C-alpha atoms as a PDB file:
ATOM      1  CA  UNK A   1      83.849 120.379 106.658  1.00  0.00           C
ATOM      2  CA  UNK A   2      84.693 116.713 106.244  1.00  0.00           C
ATOM      3  CA  UNK A   3      87.475 115.397 104.054  1.00  0.00           C
ATOM      4  CA  UNK A   4      86.400 113.880 100.738  1.00  0.00           C
ATOM      5  CA  UNK A   5      85.885 110.144 100.794  1.00  0.00           C
ATOM      6  CA  UNK A   6      88.752 108.288  99.107  1.00  0.00           C
ATOM      7  CA  UNK A   7      86.465 106.004  97.138  1.00  0.00           C
ATOM      8  CA  UNK A   8      84.915 105.815  93.693  1.00  0.00           C
ATOM      9  CA  UNK A   9      81.458 106.152  95.275  1.00  0.00           C
ATOM     10  CA  UNK A  10      79.954 107.642  98.414  1.00  0.00           C
ATOM     11  CA  UNK A  11      76.936 106.847 100.577  1.00  0.00           C
ATOM     12  CA  UNK A  12      74.713 109.061  98.393  1.00  0.00           C
ATOM     13  CA  UNK A  13      75.674 107.019  95.313  1.00  0.00           C
ATOM     14  CA  UNK A  14      74.807 103.781  97.120  1.00  0.00           C
ATOM     15  CA  UNK A  15      71.398 105.193  98.048  1.00  0.00           C
ATOM     16  CA  UNK A  16      70.836 106.514  94.516  1.00  0.00           C
ATOM     17  CA  UNK A  17      71.758 103.321  92.650  1.00  0.00           C
ATOM     18  CA  UNK A  18      70.459 100.722  95.115  1.00  0.00           C
ATOM     19  CA  UNK A  19      67.979 102.421  97.430  1.00  0.00           C
ATOM     20  CA  UNK A  20      69.919 101.113 100.439  1.00  0.00           C
ATOM     21  CA  UNK A  21      71.289 103.556 103.017  1.00  0.00           C
ATOM     22  CA  UNK A  22      74.833 102.892 104.246  1.00  0.00           C
ATOM     23  CA  UNK A  23      77.432 105.003 106.031  1.00  0.00           C
ATOM     24  CA  UNK A  24      80.830 106.114 104.719  1.00  0.00           C
ATOM     25  CA  UNK A  25      82.628 103.347 106.616  1.00  0.00           C
ATOM     26  CA  UNK A  26      80.622 100.725 104.719  1.00  0.00           C
ATOM     27  CA  UNK A  27      81.521 102.424 101.434  1.00  0.00           C
ATOM     28  CA  UNK A  28      85.233 102.330 102.337  1.00  0.00           C
ATOM     29  CA  UNK A  29      84.982  98.600 103.127  1.00  0.00           C
ATOM     30  CA  UNK A  30      83.299  98.025  99.769  1.00  0.00           C
ATOM     31  CA  UNK A  31      85.964 100.165  98.079  1.00  0.00           C
ATOM     32  CA  UNK A  32      88.653  97.927  99.540  1.00  0.00           C
ATOM     33  CA  UNK A  33      87.022  94.779  98.140  1.00  0.00           C
ATOM     34  CA  UNK A  34      86.498  96.352  94.702  1.00  0.00           C
ATOM     35  CA  UNK A  35      90.140  97.499  94.593  1.00  0.00           C
ATOM     36  CA  UNK A  36      91.237  93.896  95.168  1.00  0.00           C
ATOM     37  CA  UNK A  37      89.132  92.596  92.285  1.00  0.00           C
ATOM     38  CA  UNK A  38      89.686  95.572  89.948  1.00  0.00           C
ATOM     39  CA  UNK A  39      93.461  95.422  90.208  1.00  0.00           C
ATOM     40  CA  UNK A  40      93.838  99.146  90.807  1.00  0.00           C
ATOM     41  CA  UNK A  41      93.416 101.625  93.643  1.00  0.00           C
ATOM     42  CA  UNK A  42      91.678 104.917  94.250  1.00  0.00           C
ATOM     43  CA  UNK A  43      95.070 106.658  93.997  1.00  0.00           C
ATOM     44  CA  UNK A  44      95.156 105.880  90.244  1.00  0.00           C
ATOM     45  CA  UNK A  45      91.834 107.647  89.603  1.00  0.00           C
ATOM     46  CA  UNK A  46      93.367 110.433  87.515  1.00  0.00           C
ATOM     47  CA  UNK A  47      94.731 107.807  85.068  1.00  0.00           C
ATOM     48  CA  UNK A  48      91.418 105.985  84.577  1.00  0.00           C
ATOM     49  CA  UNK A  49      89.004 106.836  81.760  1.00  0.00           C
ATOM     50  CA  UNK A  50      85.531 108.251  82.448  1.00  0.00           C
ATOM     51  CA  UNK A  51      83.898 105.025  81.223  1.00  0.00           C
ATOM     52  CA  UNK A  52      85.902 102.917  83.671  1.00  0.00           C
ATOM     53  CA  UNK A  53      85.306 105.390  86.515  1.00  0.00           C
ATOM     54  CA  UNK A  54      81.553 105.114  85.954  1.00  0.00           C
ATOM     55  CA  UNK A  55      81.797 101.311  86.148  1.00  0.00           C
ATOM     56  CA  UNK A  56      83.944 101.500  89.298  1.00  0.00           C
ATOM     57  CA  UNK A  57      81.456 103.934  90.860  1.00  0.00           C
ATOM     58  CA  UNK A  58      78.615 101.467  90.279  1.00  0.00           C
ATOM     59  CA  UNK A  59      80.711  98.503  91.424  1.00  0.00           C
ATOM     60  CA  UNK A  60      81.491 100.160  94.777  1.00  0.00           C
ATOM     61  CA  UNK A  61      77.848 101.190  95.234  1.00  0.00           C
ATOM     62  CA  UNK A  62      76.533  97.685  94.474  1.00  0.00           C
ATOM     63  CA  UNK A  63      79.188  96.089  96.685  1.00  0.00           C
ATOM     64  CA  UNK A  64      78.390  98.384  99.646  1.00  0.00           C
ATOM     65  CA  UNK A  65      74.671  97.632  99.408  1.00  0.00           C
ATOM     66  CA  UNK A  66      75.295  93.889  99.038  1.00  0.00           C
ATOM     67  CA  UNK A  67      77.680  93.816 102.009  1.00  0.00           C
ATOM     68  CA  UNK A  68      75.081  95.550 104.225  1.00  0.00           C
ATOM     69  CA  UNK A  69      73.041  92.339 104.252  1.00  0.00           C
ATOM     70  CA  UNK A  70      76.089  90.118 104.874  1.00  0.00           C
ATOM     71  CA  UNK A  71      77.585  91.047 108.255  1.00  0.00           C
ATOM     72  CA  UNK A  72      79.549  87.770 108.372  1.00  0.00           C
ATOM     73  CA  UNK A  73      81.390  88.399 105.107  1.00  0.00           C
ATOM     74  CA  UNK A  74      84.770  88.741 106.806  1.00  0.00           C
ATOM     75  CA  UNK A  75      84.378  85.651 108.985  1.00  0.00           C
ATOM     76  CA  UNK A  76      82.727  82.961 106.847  1.00  0.00           C
ATOM     77  CA  UNK A  77      84.335  79.803 105.491  1.00  0.00           C
ATOM     78  CA  UNK A  78      85.075  79.079 101.839  1.00  0.00           C
ATOM     79  CA  UNK A  79      83.097  76.064 100.637  1.00  0.00           C
ATOM     80  CA  UNK A  80      82.477  74.542  97.220  1.00  0.00           C
ATOM     81  CA  UNK A  81      79.105  72.912  97.876  1.00  0.00           C
ATOM     82  CA  UNK A  82      76.560  72.996 100.710  1.00  0.00           C
ATOM     83  CA  UNK A  83      74.042  70.203 101.209  1.00  0.00           C
ATOM     84  CA  UNK A  84      71.370  69.945 103.887  1.00  0.00           C
ATOM     85  CA  UNK A  85      68.072  68.054 104.121  1.00  0.00           C
ATOM     86  CA  UNK A  86      68.309  66.927 100.503  1.00  0.00           C
ATOM     87  CA  UNK A  87      68.843  70.429  99.138  1.00  0.00           C
ATOM     88  CA  UNK A  88      72.242  71.484  97.827  1.00  0.00           C
ATOM     89  CA  UNK A  89      73.838  74.773  96.900  1.00  0.00           C
ATOM     90  CA  UNK A  90      76.810  75.378  94.619  1.00  0.00           C
ATOM     91  CA  UNK A  91      78.044  78.972  94.180  1.00  0.00           C
ATOM     92  CA  UNK A  92      77.932  80.259  90.594  1.00  0.00           C
ATOM     93  CA  UNK A  93      81.502  81.602  90.799  1.00  0.00           C
ATOM     94  CA  UNK A  94      84.523  81.173  93.027  1.00  0.00           C
ATOM     95  CA  UNK A  95      83.976  84.667  94.462  1.00  0.00           C
ATOM     96  CA  UNK A  96      80.201  84.442  94.913  1.00  0.00           C
ATOM     97  CA  UNK A  97      80.529  84.877  98.686  1.00  0.00           C
ATOM     98  CA  UNK A  98      82.858  87.872  98.380  1.00  0.00           C
ATOM     99  CA  UNK A  99      81.645  89.954  95.449  1.00  0.00           C
ATOM    100  CA  UNK A 100      78.186  91.330  94.668  1.00  0.00           C
ATOM    101  CA  UNK A 101      76.789  89.972  91.368  1.00  0.00           C
ATOM    102  CA  UNK A 102      76.189  93.428  89.864  1.00  0.00           C
ATOM    103  CA  UNK A 103      79.623  94.605  91.012  1.00  0.00           C
ATOM    104  CA  UNK A 104      81.141  91.576  89.314  1.00  0.00           C
ATOM    105  CA  UNK A 105      79.395  92.480  86.060  1.00  0.00           C
ATOM    106  CA  UNK A 106      80.746  96.039  86.268  1.00  0.00           C
ATOM    107  CA  UNK A 107      84.278  94.797  86.910  1.00  0.00           C
ATOM    108  CA  UNK A 108      84.105  92.410  83.945  1.00  0.00           C
ATOM    109  CA  UNK A 109      83.381  95.386  81.676  1.00  0.00           C
ATOM    110  CA  UNK A 110      86.498  97.366  82.686  1.00  0.00           C
ATOM    111  CA  UNK A 111      88.610  97.919  79.607  1.00  0.00           C
ATOM    112  CA  UNK A 112      91.885  96.735  81.134  1.00  0.00           C
ATOM    113  CA  UNK A 113      90.291  93.334  81.709  1.00  0.00           C
ATOM    114  CA  UNK A 114      89.651  92.833  78.011  1.00  0.00           C
ATOM    115  CA  UNK A 115      91.946  90.836  75.790  1.00  0.00           C
ATOM    116  CA  UNK A 116      94.360  93.008  73.796  1.00  0.00           C
ATOM    117  CA  UNK A 117      93.078  94.258  70.487  1.00  0.00           C
ATOM    118  CA  UNK A 118      94.791  92.457  67.624  1.00  0.00           C
ATOM    119  CA  UNK A 119      94.568  93.555  64.022  1.00  0.00           C
ATOM    120  CA  UNK A 120      95.459  91.363  61.078  1.00  0.00           C
ATOM    121  CA  UNK A 121      97.839  93.033  58.621  1.00  0.00           C
ATOM    122  CA  UNK A 122      96.400  91.542  55.461  1.00  0.00           C
ATOM    123  CA  UNK A 123      95.766  88.357  53.585  1.00  0.00           C
ATOM    124  CA  UNK A 124      99.438  87.793  52.779  1.00  0.00           C
ATOM    125  CA  UNK A 125     100.562  88.433  56.349  1.00  0.00           C
ATOM    126  CA  UNK A 126      99.193  85.833  58.784  1.00  0.00           C
ATOM    127  CA  UNK A 127     100.704  87.386  61.916  1.00  0.00           C
ATOM    128  CA  UNK A 128      98.857  89.906  64.077  1.00  0.00           C
ATOM    129  CA  UNK A 129      99.823  93.216  65.632  1.00  0.00           C
ATOM    130  CA  UNK A 130      98.999  93.780  69.297  1.00  0.00           C
ATOM    131  CA  UNK A 131      97.647  97.302  69.757  1.00  0.00           C
ATOM    132  CA  UNK A 132      97.749  97.071  73.567  1.00  0.00           C
ATOM    133  CA  UNK A 133      95.090  98.086  76.091  1.00  0.00           C
ATOM    134  CA  UNK A 134      91.907  99.833  75.037  1.00  0.00           C
ATOM    135  CA  UNK A 135      91.689 102.224  77.979  1.00  0.00           C
ATOM    136  CA  UNK A 136      91.910 105.641  76.342  1.00  0.00           C
ATOM    137  CA  UNK A 137      93.291 107.265  79.483  1.00  0.00           C
ATOM    138  CA  UNK A 138      96.438 105.207  79.146  1.00  0.00           C
ATOM    139  CA  UNK A 139      96.753 104.171  75.492  1.00  0.00           C
ATOM    140  CA  UNK A 140      96.074 107.468  73.717  1.00  0.00           C
ATOM    141  CA  UNK A 141      99.185 109.109  75.095  1.00  0.00           C
ATOM    142  CA  UNK A 142     101.472 106.535  73.479  1.00  0.00           C
ATOM    143  CA  UNK A 143      99.916 106.674  70.005  1.00  0.00           C
ATOM    144  CA  UNK A 144     101.375 108.900  67.298  1.00  0.00           C
ATOM    145  CA  UNK A 145      98.793 110.361  64.941  1.00  0.00           C
ATOM    146  CA  UNK A 146      99.446 109.879  61.245  1.00  0.00           C
ATOM    147  CA  UNK A 147      97.151 110.539  58.294  1.00  0.00           C
ATOM    148  CA  UNK A 148      95.800 107.472  56.555  1.00  0.00           C
END
């Protein structure tokens, strides 16, 4: 029996969501890239909400499939613009050569990347109250329930 893969996705997930077959080593390489951009690691999985875990699962799967067609990803140069024979290319984002487009969309939807929720007290109080992060796995523990 093999040890469980320390990643938010496995090779079966990559095949299911993308139709591209990769091995577990490719999934671990994709996991490493997603951890860099997500700002968290697989070790924090038990503190992440189900919604965010689903997004991280898809991000790793999309990244693994995208990296399969880019064997030079670890050895290419960073450039701003490429021009040849009258045609030019400008990447859409700074990380366009490092991060799969669908993985980037998943990572943008992670709740800890959102701006803090701010609620206005009322018309006579112009200042706002910061209610902190929206990730229920972290924020719900700190809240004290009180009837309205």
